[in-house]
């Protein structure tokens, strides 16, 4: 089913009226994070988040023209982000609005979908969260300036990215082990 935001069908036990622990079978999926992730992958042509580091940003002349009222803005069929300005960019606001509209349209076209209480604002927030995650990946993959003012060379950049990835994997393994131990102790 995928990871998503869930709404409880029943907070209390019908027999004794006590608040029950949430169980998967008592939950109704409202939105699936993997659908948002898949839409980004489709539009930007990457497989893993780390691949987004190779994203080609929007041409700055096009962005400036759009911001000052002369350009056509982002194209949903060939989407590029204004990676230098981030969330505050009018270009990115329009790009994320196009993504939200496309996602909502996919939901409307699917007769088997149930998004009963999902508002446009919630979908927009989820899309922006995904945007922020990808911008972090893109920004982290750029060469950094050292204390002495020299830019990282490719070897230093690769070493830093590998170290960062290894640290994240270590935390993830620790977290999943802790959850596995916790589940086995309480079951």
N, C-alpha and C. Protein backbone atom coordinates (compact mmCIF):
# COMPACT_ATOMS: atom_id res chain seq x y z
N UNK A 1 0.81 -1.19 0.00
CA UNK A 1 0.00 0.00 0.00
C UNK A 1 0.85 1.25 0.00
N UNK A 2 2.01 1.23 0.62
CA UNK A 2 2.88 2.40 0.63
C UNK A 2 2.77 3.18 1.91
N UNK A 3 3.78 3.98 2.14
CA UNK A 3 3.79 4.81 3.33
C UNK A 3 2.98 6.06 3.02
N UNK A 4 2.22 6.52 3.96
CA UNK A 4 1.43 7.71 3.72
C UNK A 4 0.91 8.31 4.99
N UNK A 5 -0.01 9.23 4.83
CA UNK A 5 -0.68 9.84 5.97
C UNK A 5 -1.94 9.02 6.19
N UNK A 6 -2.23 8.74 7.43
CA UNK A 6 -3.34 7.85 7.74
C UNK A 6 -4.36 8.52 8.62
N UNK A 7 -5.59 8.09 8.47
CA UNK A 7 -6.68 8.58 9.30
C UNK A 7 -7.28 7.37 10.01
N UNK A 8 -7.48 7.48 11.29
CA UNK A 8 -8.05 6.36 12.02
C UNK A 8 -9.54 6.26 11.79
N UNK A 9 -10.00 5.03 11.60
CA UNK A 9 -11.44 4.79 11.50
C UNK A 9 -12.05 4.72 12.89
N UNK A 10 -11.28 4.21 13.85
CA UNK A 10 -11.85 3.98 15.16
C UNK A 10 -10.77 4.17 16.23
N UNK A 11 -10.95 5.17 17.09
CA UNK A 11 -9.96 5.44 18.13
C UNK A 11 -10.22 4.64 19.39
N UNK A 12 -11.43 4.18 19.60
CA UNK A 12 -11.76 3.49 20.85
C UNK A 12 -12.18 2.06 20.57
N UNK A 13 -11.93 1.22 21.55
CA UNK A 13 -12.34 -0.17 21.46
C UNK A 13 -13.86 -0.23 21.62
N UNK A 14 -14.58 -0.93 20.73
CA UNK A 14 -16.04 -0.95 20.81
C UNK A 14 -16.58 -1.69 22.04
N UNK A 15 -15.76 -2.57 22.62
CA UNK A 15 -16.23 -3.37 23.75
C UNK A 15 -16.16 -2.58 25.06
N UNK A 16 -14.97 -2.09 25.41
CA UNK A 16 -14.84 -1.43 26.70
C UNK A 16 -14.68 0.09 26.61
N UNK A 17 -14.64 0.66 25.41
CA UNK A 17 -14.57 2.10 25.25
C UNK A 17 -13.20 2.70 25.49
N UNK A 18 -12.19 1.88 25.75
CA UNK A 18 -10.85 2.39 25.98
C UNK A 18 -10.19 2.75 24.66
N UNK A 19 -9.27 3.69 24.73
CA UNK A 19 -8.54 4.07 23.52
C UNK A 19 -7.62 2.93 23.14
N UNK A 20 -7.71 2.52 21.89
CA UNK A 20 -6.91 1.38 21.43
C UNK A 20 -5.68 1.86 20.68
N UNK A 21 -4.68 0.99 20.60
CA UNK A 21 -3.51 1.28 19.78
C UNK A 21 -3.92 1.25 18.32
N UNK A 22 -3.35 2.15 17.51
CA UNK A 22 -3.71 2.10 16.09
C UNK A 22 -3.22 0.81 15.46
N UNK A 23 -4.06 0.24 14.65
CA UNK A 23 -3.70 -0.97 13.91
C UNK A 23 -3.88 -0.68 12.43
N UNK A 24 -3.05 -1.29 11.61
CA UNK A 24 -3.10 -1.03 10.18
C UNK A 24 -4.48 -1.32 9.60
N UNK A 25 -5.13 -2.34 10.08
CA UNK A 25 -6.43 -2.68 9.50
C UNK A 25 -7.51 -1.66 9.84
N UNK A 26 -7.28 -0.81 10.83
CA UNK A 26 -8.24 0.22 11.19
C UNK A 26 -7.93 1.57 10.55
N UNK A 27 -7.00 1.59 9.61
CA UNK A 27 -6.57 2.85 9.03
C UNK A 27 -7.00 2.93 7.57
N UNK A 28 -7.34 4.13 7.15
CA UNK A 28 -7.73 4.38 5.77
C UNK A 28 -6.66 5.24 5.11
N UNK A 29 -6.08 4.79 4.00
CA UNK A 29 -5.06 5.61 3.36
C UNK A 29 -5.67 6.87 2.76
N UNK A 30 -5.05 8.01 3.01
CA UNK A 30 -5.52 9.26 2.45
C UNK A 30 -4.60 9.71 1.32
N UNK A 31 -3.30 9.66 1.55
CA UNK A 31 -2.35 10.01 0.51
C UNK A 31 -1.14 9.09 0.64
N UNK A 32 -0.58 8.76 -0.48
CA UNK A 32 0.59 7.89 -0.47
C UNK A 32 1.81 8.69 -0.89
N UNK A 33 2.82 8.65 -0.05
CA UNK A 33 4.05 9.39 -0.32
C UNK A 33 4.73 8.86 -1.60
N UNK A 34 4.58 7.58 -1.87
CA UNK A 34 5.25 7.03 -3.05
C UNK A 34 4.69 7.61 -4.34
N UNK A 35 3.44 8.03 -4.35
CA UNK A 35 2.87 8.64 -5.54
C UNK A 35 3.51 10.00 -5.81
N UNK A 36 3.76 10.74 -4.76
CA UNK A 36 4.43 12.03 -4.91
C UNK A 36 5.87 11.80 -5.37
N UNK A 37 6.54 10.84 -4.75
CA UNK A 37 7.91 10.50 -5.13
C UNK A 37 7.96 10.06 -6.59
N UNK A 38 7.01 9.22 -7.02
CA UNK A 38 6.99 8.73 -8.40
C UNK A 38 6.73 9.86 -9.40
N UNK A 39 5.88 10.81 -9.03
CA UNK A 39 5.63 11.95 -9.91
C UNK A 39 6.90 12.76 -10.11
N UNK A 40 7.65 13.01 -9.03
CA UNK A 40 8.91 13.73 -9.15
C UNK A 40 9.89 12.94 -10.02
N UNK A 41 9.96 11.63 -9.81
CA UNK A 41 10.88 10.81 -10.60
C UNK A 41 10.51 10.86 -12.08
N UNK A 42 9.22 10.82 -12.35
CA UNK A 42 8.75 10.88 -13.74
C UNK A 42 9.09 12.22 -14.38
N UNK A 43 8.85 13.30 -13.69
CA UNK A 43 9.04 14.63 -14.26
C UNK A 43 10.51 15.03 -14.37
N UNK A 44 11.35 14.54 -13.46
CA UNK A 44 12.75 14.96 -13.46
C UNK A 44 13.69 13.87 -13.93
N UNK A 45 13.18 12.68 -14.20
CA UNK A 45 13.98 11.62 -14.80
C UNK A 45 15.13 11.10 -13.95
N UNK A 46 14.87 10.82 -12.70
CA UNK A 46 15.88 10.21 -11.85
C UNK A 46 15.32 8.94 -11.24
N UNK A 47 16.22 8.07 -10.75
CA UNK A 47 15.79 6.80 -10.15
C UNK A 47 15.85 6.89 -8.63
N UNK A 48 16.99 7.27 -8.10
CA UNK A 48 17.19 7.45 -6.66
C UNK A 48 17.33 8.93 -6.37
N UNK A 49 17.03 9.34 -5.14
CA UNK A 49 17.15 10.75 -4.78
C UNK A 49 18.53 11.29 -5.07
N UNK A 50 19.57 10.48 -4.83
CA UNK A 50 20.93 10.94 -5.05
C UNK A 50 21.19 11.28 -6.51
N UNK A 51 20.43 10.68 -7.42
CA UNK A 51 20.58 10.97 -8.84
C UNK A 51 20.13 12.39 -9.18
N UNK A 52 19.31 12.98 -8.31
CA UNK A 52 18.83 14.34 -8.56
C UNK A 52 19.98 15.35 -8.48
N UNK A 53 21.11 14.95 -7.93
CA UNK A 53 22.28 15.83 -7.87
C UNK A 53 22.72 16.25 -9.27
N UNK A 54 22.38 15.45 -10.28
CA UNK A 54 22.74 15.76 -11.66
C UNK A 54 21.70 16.61 -12.38
N UNK A 55 20.67 17.03 -11.67
CA UNK A 55 19.60 17.83 -12.28
C UNK A 55 20.15 19.11 -12.89
N UNK A 56 19.73 19.41 -14.09
CA UNK A 56 20.13 20.64 -14.76
C UNK A 56 19.12 21.72 -14.37
N UNK A 57 19.57 22.75 -13.66
CA UNK A 57 18.64 23.80 -13.24
C UNK A 57 18.07 24.57 -14.43
N UNK A 58 16.99 25.27 -14.18
CA UNK A 58 16.39 26.11 -15.21
C UNK A 58 17.37 27.20 -15.62
N UNK A 59 17.31 27.60 -16.88
CA UNK A 59 18.16 28.66 -17.38
C UNK A 59 17.82 29.96 -16.63
N UNK A 60 18.84 30.61 -16.08
CA UNK A 60 18.61 31.80 -15.26
C UNK A 60 17.98 32.95 -16.04
N UNK A 61 18.26 33.05 -17.34
CA UNK A 61 17.62 34.09 -18.15
C UNK A 61 16.12 33.84 -18.25
N UNK A 62 15.73 32.57 -18.45
CA UNK A 62 14.29 32.24 -18.50
C UNK A 62 13.62 32.53 -17.17
N UNK A 63 14.31 32.19 -16.07
CA UNK A 63 13.76 32.42 -14.73
C UNK A 63 13.58 33.91 -14.50
N UNK A 64 14.61 34.69 -14.81
CA UNK A 64 14.53 36.14 -14.61
C UNK A 64 13.42 36.76 -15.46
N UNK A 65 13.30 36.33 -16.72
CA UNK A 65 12.23 36.83 -17.59
C UNK A 65 10.86 36.51 -16.99
N UNK A 66 10.70 35.29 -16.50
CA UNK A 66 9.42 34.88 -15.90
C UNK A 66 9.12 35.70 -14.65
N UNK A 67 10.11 35.87 -13.79
CA UNK A 67 9.91 36.61 -12.54
C UNK A 67 9.53 38.06 -12.82
N UNK A 68 10.09 38.64 -13.88
CA UNK A 68 9.82 40.04 -14.21
C UNK A 68 8.66 40.19 -15.18
N UNK A 69 7.92 39.11 -15.40
CA UNK A 69 6.68 39.18 -16.18
C UNK A 69 6.81 38.98 -17.67
N UNK A 70 7.96 38.58 -18.17
CA UNK A 70 8.12 38.46 -19.62
C UNK A 70 8.21 37.04 -20.13
N UNK A 71 8.40 36.07 -19.27
CA UNK A 71 8.59 34.70 -19.73
C UNK A 71 7.36 33.84 -19.54
N UNK A 72 7.40 32.65 -20.14
CA UNK A 72 6.25 31.76 -20.07
C UNK A 72 6.24 30.88 -18.83
N UNK A 73 7.36 30.76 -18.16
CA UNK A 73 7.40 29.96 -16.93
C UNK A 73 7.79 28.52 -17.20
N UNK A 74 7.74 27.71 -16.14
CA UNK A 74 8.15 26.31 -16.27
C UNK A 74 7.18 25.51 -17.15
N UNK A 75 7.73 24.52 -17.83
CA UNK A 75 6.94 23.64 -18.70
C UNK A 75 6.83 22.29 -18.01
N UNK A 76 5.62 21.83 -17.74
CA UNK A 76 5.41 20.59 -17.00
C UNK A 76 5.98 19.39 -17.75
N UNK A 77 6.10 19.47 -19.08
CA UNK A 77 6.62 18.35 -19.85
C UNK A 77 8.15 18.33 -19.91
N UNK A 78 8.80 19.44 -19.59
CA UNK A 78 10.26 19.53 -19.53
C UNK A 78 10.61 20.41 -18.34
N UNK A 79 10.42 19.86 -17.15
CA UNK A 79 10.50 20.65 -15.92
C UNK A 79 11.93 20.76 -15.41
N UNK A 80 12.33 21.99 -15.13
CA UNK A 80 13.61 22.30 -14.51
C UNK A 80 13.34 23.27 -13.39
N UNK A 81 14.07 23.12 -12.29
CA UNK A 81 13.86 23.97 -11.12
C UNK A 81 14.91 25.06 -11.04
N UNK A 82 14.55 26.13 -10.36
CA UNK A 82 15.48 27.21 -10.06
C UNK A 82 16.20 26.82 -8.77
N UNK A 83 17.26 26.04 -8.90
CA UNK A 83 17.94 25.47 -7.74
C UNK A 83 18.69 26.52 -6.93
N UNK A 84 19.02 27.62 -7.53
CA UNK A 84 19.81 28.63 -6.82
C UNK A 84 18.97 29.47 -5.87
N UNK A 85 17.71 29.67 -6.18
CA UNK A 85 16.85 30.53 -5.35
C UNK A 85 15.97 29.76 -4.38
N UNK A 86 15.78 28.48 -4.61
CA UNK A 86 15.02 27.66 -3.67
C UNK A 86 13.53 27.94 -3.64
N UNK A 87 12.95 27.80 -2.46
CA UNK A 87 11.49 27.87 -2.29
C UNK A 87 10.92 29.26 -2.58
N UNK A 88 11.72 30.30 -2.38
CA UNK A 88 11.23 31.65 -2.58
C UNK A 88 11.10 32.08 -4.02
N UNK A 89 11.58 31.28 -4.94
CA UNK A 89 11.55 31.63 -6.35
C UNK A 89 10.14 31.51 -6.92
N UNK A 90 9.73 32.53 -7.65
CA UNK A 90 8.42 32.47 -8.33
C UNK A 90 8.37 31.34 -9.34
N UNK A 91 9.50 31.05 -9.96
CA UNK A 91 9.60 29.94 -10.91
C UNK A 91 9.27 28.63 -10.22
N UNK A 92 9.89 28.40 -9.06
CA UNK A 92 9.66 27.16 -8.33
C UNK A 92 8.24 27.08 -7.79
N UNK A 93 7.68 28.20 -7.38
CA UNK A 93 6.28 28.20 -6.92
C UNK A 93 5.36 27.74 -8.04
N UNK A 94 5.60 28.25 -9.25
CA UNK A 94 4.79 27.84 -10.40
C UNK A 94 5.03 26.37 -10.74
N UNK A 95 6.28 25.92 -10.66
CA UNK A 95 6.60 24.51 -10.96
C UNK A 95 5.91 23.58 -9.97
N UNK A 96 5.93 23.92 -8.70
CA UNK A 96 5.29 23.07 -7.69
C UNK A 96 3.77 23.11 -7.83
N UNK A 97 3.23 24.24 -8.23
CA UNK A 97 1.78 24.33 -8.47
C UNK A 97 1.39 23.42 -9.63
N UNK A 98 2.22 23.38 -10.67
CA UNK A 98 1.97 22.47 -11.80
C UNK A 98 2.02 21.01 -11.34
N UNK A 99 2.97 20.70 -10.46
CA UNK A 99 3.09 19.33 -9.93
C UNK A 99 1.85 18.97 -9.10
N UNK A 100 1.41 19.88 -8.26
CA UNK A 100 0.22 19.64 -7.43
C UNK A 100 -0.99 19.41 -8.32
N UNK A 101 -1.17 20.27 -9.32
CA UNK A 101 -2.31 20.13 -10.22
C UNK A 101 -2.29 18.80 -10.95
N UNK A 102 -1.12 18.38 -11.40
CA UNK A 102 -1.01 17.10 -12.10
C UNK A 102 -1.34 15.93 -11.17
N UNK A 103 -0.84 15.99 -9.94
CA UNK A 103 -1.12 14.93 -8.97
C UNK A 103 -2.61 14.87 -8.65
N UNK A 104 -3.23 16.01 -8.43
CA UNK A 104 -4.67 16.04 -8.13
C UNK A 104 -5.49 15.53 -9.33
N UNK A 105 -5.03 15.83 -10.54
CA UNK A 105 -5.72 15.36 -11.74
C UNK A 105 -5.62 13.84 -11.85
N UNK A 106 -4.47 13.28 -11.53
CA UNK A 106 -4.32 11.81 -11.54
C UNK A 106 -5.26 11.17 -10.54
N UNK A 107 -5.41 11.80 -9.40
CA UNK A 107 -6.30 11.26 -8.36
C UNK A 107 -7.75 11.29 -8.84
N UNK A 108 -8.14 12.38 -9.46
CA UNK A 108 -9.52 12.51 -9.95
C UNK A 108 -9.84 11.49 -11.03
N UNK A 109 -8.84 11.14 -11.85
CA UNK A 109 -9.06 10.21 -12.95
C UNK A 109 -9.10 8.76 -12.51
N UNK A 110 -8.61 8.45 -11.32
CA UNK A 110 -8.56 7.08 -10.83
C UNK A 110 -9.83 6.78 -10.05
N UNK A 111 -10.72 5.93 -10.58
CA UNK A 111 -11.99 5.67 -9.90
C UNK A 111 -11.85 4.86 -8.61
N UNK A 112 -10.73 4.17 -8.45
CA UNK A 112 -10.53 3.35 -7.24
C UNK A 112 -9.93 4.13 -6.09
N UNK A 113 -9.63 5.40 -6.28
CA UNK A 113 -8.97 6.20 -5.26
C UNK A 113 -9.96 6.73 -4.24
N UNK A 114 -9.46 6.83 -3.00
CA UNK A 114 -10.25 7.45 -1.93
C UNK A 114 -9.35 8.44 -1.20
N UNK A 115 -9.53 9.69 -1.46
CA UNK A 115 -8.81 10.75 -0.75
C UNK A 115 -9.87 11.64 -0.13
N UNK A 116 -10.63 11.14 0.81
CA UNK A 116 -11.83 11.85 1.26
C UNK A 116 -11.59 13.21 1.90
N UNK A 117 -10.54 13.38 2.66
CA UNK A 117 -10.37 14.64 3.37
C UNK A 117 -9.11 15.37 2.94
N UNK A 118 -8.53 14.99 1.84
CA UNK A 118 -7.29 15.58 1.39
C UNK A 118 -7.55 16.89 0.67
N UNK A 119 -6.99 17.96 1.17
CA UNK A 119 -7.19 19.26 0.54
C UNK A 119 -6.02 19.59 -0.38
N UNK A 120 -6.22 20.56 -1.21
CA UNK A 120 -5.19 21.04 -2.11
C UNK A 120 -3.99 21.52 -1.30
N UNK A 121 -4.22 22.16 -0.18
CA UNK A 121 -3.13 22.67 0.67
C UNK A 121 -2.27 21.55 1.22
N UNK A 122 -2.88 20.43 1.58
CA UNK A 122 -2.11 19.30 2.12
C UNK A 122 -1.22 18.71 1.03
N UNK A 123 -1.77 18.52 -0.16
CA UNK A 123 -0.97 17.99 -1.27
C UNK A 123 0.15 18.96 -1.59
N UNK A 124 -0.15 20.25 -1.57
CA UNK A 124 0.88 21.25 -1.85
C UNK A 124 2.01 21.18 -0.82
N UNK A 125 1.67 21.02 0.44
CA UNK A 125 2.70 20.91 1.47
C UNK A 125 3.56 19.67 1.27
N UNK A 126 2.95 18.55 0.90
CA UNK A 126 3.71 17.33 0.67
C UNK A 126 4.64 17.47 -0.53
N UNK A 127 4.17 18.13 -1.58
CA UNK A 127 5.00 18.36 -2.76
C UNK A 127 6.16 19.28 -2.41
N UNK A 128 5.91 20.33 -1.61
CA UNK A 128 6.99 21.23 -1.20
C UNK A 128 8.00 20.50 -0.31
N UNK A 129 7.55 19.60 0.53
CA UNK A 129 8.48 18.82 1.35
C UNK A 129 9.41 17.98 0.47
N UNK A 130 8.84 17.40 -0.57
CA UNK A 130 9.65 16.61 -1.52
C UNK A 130 10.64 17.52 -2.24
N UNK A 131 10.18 18.69 -2.63
CA UNK A 131 11.03 19.69 -3.28
C UNK A 131 12.22 20.04 -2.38
N UNK A 132 11.95 20.30 -1.10
CA UNK A 132 13.02 20.66 -0.17
C UNK A 132 14.03 19.52 -0.03
N UNK A 133 13.55 18.30 0.02
CA UNK A 133 14.45 17.14 0.12
C UNK A 133 15.37 17.07 -1.09
N UNK A 134 14.81 17.25 -2.28
CA UNK A 134 15.61 17.18 -3.50
C UNK A 134 16.57 18.36 -3.61
N UNK A 135 16.16 19.52 -3.14
CA UNK A 135 17.07 20.68 -3.17
C UNK A 135 18.26 20.44 -2.24
N UNK A 136 18.02 19.76 -1.13
CA UNK A 136 19.12 19.42 -0.22
C UNK A 136 20.10 18.49 -0.91
N UNK A 137 19.58 17.50 -1.62
CA UNK A 137 20.44 16.57 -2.36
C UNK A 137 21.25 17.33 -3.41
N UNK A 138 20.59 18.21 -4.15
CA UNK A 138 21.26 18.96 -5.21
C UNK A 138 22.34 19.87 -4.62
N UNK A 139 21.99 20.59 -3.56
CA UNK A 139 22.92 21.54 -2.94
C UNK A 139 24.13 20.82 -2.31
N UNK A 140 23.88 19.69 -1.67
CA UNK A 140 24.97 18.93 -1.04
C UNK A 140 25.96 18.39 -2.07
N UNK A 141 25.51 18.19 -3.30
CA UNK A 141 26.37 17.64 -4.33
C UNK A 141 27.20 18.71 -5.04
N UNK A 142 27.06 19.95 -4.64
CA UNK A 142 27.86 21.03 -5.22
C UNK A 142 29.17 21.15 -4.46
N UNK A 143 30.26 21.46 -5.15
CA UNK A 143 31.55 21.63 -4.46
C UNK A 143 31.46 22.75 -3.41
N UNK A 144 32.05 22.51 -2.27
CA UNK A 144 32.06 23.49 -1.18
C UNK A 144 33.38 24.25 -1.18
N UNK A 145 33.32 25.43 -0.59
CA UNK A 145 34.53 26.24 -0.43
C UNK A 145 35.12 25.93 0.94
N UNK A 146 36.41 25.63 0.96
CA UNK A 146 37.08 25.31 2.22
C UNK A 146 37.38 26.56 3.03
N UNK A 147 37.93 26.36 4.21
CA UNK A 147 38.30 27.46 5.10
C UNK A 147 39.32 28.38 4.44
N UNK A 148 40.21 27.79 3.65
CA UNK A 148 41.25 28.58 2.97
C UNK A 148 40.74 29.28 1.71
N UNK A 149 39.47 29.09 1.36
CA UNK A 149 38.89 29.75 0.19
C UNK A 149 38.99 28.93 -1.08
N UNK A 150 39.59 27.76 -1.02
CA UNK A 150 39.73 26.91 -2.21
C UNK A 150 38.50 26.00 -2.35
N UNK A 151 38.12 25.79 -3.60
CA UNK A 151 36.98 24.90 -3.88
C UNK A 151 37.43 23.45 -3.77
N UNK A 152 36.48 22.59 -3.36
CA UNK A 152 36.76 21.15 -3.32
C UNK A 152 37.06 20.65 -4.72
N UNK A 153 38.00 19.72 -4.83
CA UNK A 153 38.19 19.07 -6.11
C UNK A 153 37.25 17.86 -6.17
N UNK A 154 37.22 17.18 -7.29
CA UNK A 154 36.28 16.07 -7.46
C UNK A 154 36.51 14.94 -6.48
N UNK A 155 37.76 14.65 -6.15
CA UNK A 155 38.04 13.58 -5.19
C UNK A 155 37.51 13.93 -3.80
N UNK A 156 37.72 15.16 -3.37
CA UNK A 156 37.22 15.59 -2.05
C UNK A 156 35.69 15.59 -2.02
N UNK A 157 35.08 16.04 -3.12
CA UNK A 157 33.62 16.05 -3.22
C UNK A 157 33.07 14.63 -3.13
N UNK A 158 33.67 13.72 -3.88
CA UNK A 158 33.22 12.32 -3.86
C UNK A 158 33.40 11.70 -2.48
N UNK A 159 34.51 11.98 -1.82
CA UNK A 159 34.76 11.45 -0.48
C UNK A 159 33.72 12.00 0.51
N UNK A 160 33.43 13.31 0.42
CA UNK A 160 32.44 13.91 1.31
C UNK A 160 31.05 13.29 1.10
N UNK A 161 30.67 13.10 -0.17
CA UNK A 161 29.36 12.52 -0.47
C UNK A 161 29.28 11.07 -0.01
N UNK A 162 30.35 10.31 -0.20
CA UNK A 162 30.37 8.92 0.26
C UNK A 162 30.30 8.83 1.78
N UNK A 163 31.04 9.71 2.47
CA UNK A 163 31.00 9.73 3.93
C UNK A 163 29.60 10.07 4.43
N UNK A 164 28.99 11.04 3.78
CA UNK A 164 27.63 11.44 4.17
C UNK A 164 26.64 10.30 3.96
N UNK A 165 26.76 9.63 2.80
CA UNK A 165 25.87 8.50 2.52
C UNK A 165 26.08 7.38 3.53
N UNK A 166 27.34 7.09 3.86
CA UNK A 166 27.64 6.04 4.83
C UNK A 166 27.07 6.38 6.21
N UNK A 167 27.17 7.65 6.61
CA UNK A 167 26.61 8.07 7.91
C UNK A 167 25.10 7.89 7.93
N UNK A 168 24.44 8.25 6.84
CA UNK A 168 22.98 8.10 6.77
C UNK A 168 22.58 6.64 6.82
N UNK A 169 23.33 5.80 6.12
CA UNK A 169 23.03 4.36 6.13
C UNK A 169 23.24 3.77 7.52
N UNK A 170 24.26 4.23 8.21
CA UNK A 170 24.53 3.75 9.56
C UNK A 170 23.37 4.11 10.50
N UNK A 171 22.90 5.34 10.41
CA UNK A 171 21.76 5.77 11.23
C UNK A 171 20.52 4.95 10.88
N UNK A 172 20.29 4.74 9.58
CA UNK A 172 19.14 3.97 9.14
C UNK A 172 19.20 2.54 9.67
N UNK A 173 20.38 1.91 9.57
CA UNK A 173 20.52 0.54 10.09
C UNK A 173 20.26 0.50 11.59
N UNK A 174 20.77 1.48 12.30
CA UNK A 174 20.56 1.56 13.74
C UNK A 174 19.07 1.71 14.06
N UNK A 175 18.41 2.59 13.32
CA UNK A 175 16.98 2.83 13.55
C UNK A 175 16.15 1.59 13.26
N UNK A 176 16.43 0.91 12.15
CA UNK A 176 15.65 -0.28 11.82
C UNK A 176 15.93 -1.41 12.80
N UNK A 177 17.16 -1.51 13.27
CA UNK A 177 17.47 -2.52 14.27
C UNK A 177 16.72 -2.23 15.56
N UNK A 178 16.70 -0.96 15.96
CA UNK A 178 15.99 -0.59 17.18
C UNK A 178 14.50 -0.92 17.05
N UNK A 179 13.92 -0.63 15.90
CA UNK A 179 12.50 -0.95 15.70
C UNK A 179 12.28 -2.44 15.69
N UNK A 180 13.18 -3.20 15.08
CA UNK A 180 13.02 -4.65 15.04
C UNK A 180 13.10 -5.24 16.43
N UNK A 181 14.05 -4.77 17.23
CA UNK A 181 14.18 -5.26 18.60
C UNK A 181 12.95 -4.88 19.40
N UNK A 182 12.48 -3.64 19.25
CA UNK A 182 11.30 -3.17 19.98
C UNK A 182 10.07 -4.01 19.61
N UNK A 183 9.89 -4.30 18.34
CA UNK A 183 8.74 -5.09 17.92
C UNK A 183 8.84 -6.51 18.47
N UNK A 184 10.04 -7.11 18.43
CA UNK A 184 10.17 -8.48 18.92
C UNK A 184 10.00 -8.55 20.43
N UNK A 185 10.38 -7.51 21.16
CA UNK A 185 10.21 -7.51 22.62
C UNK A 185 8.74 -7.39 23.00
N UNK A 186 7.98 -6.58 22.27
CA UNK A 186 6.59 -6.34 22.62
C UNK A 186 5.62 -7.34 22.00
N UNK A 187 6.07 -8.15 21.08
CA UNK A 187 5.16 -9.13 20.46
C UNK A 187 5.07 -10.40 21.23
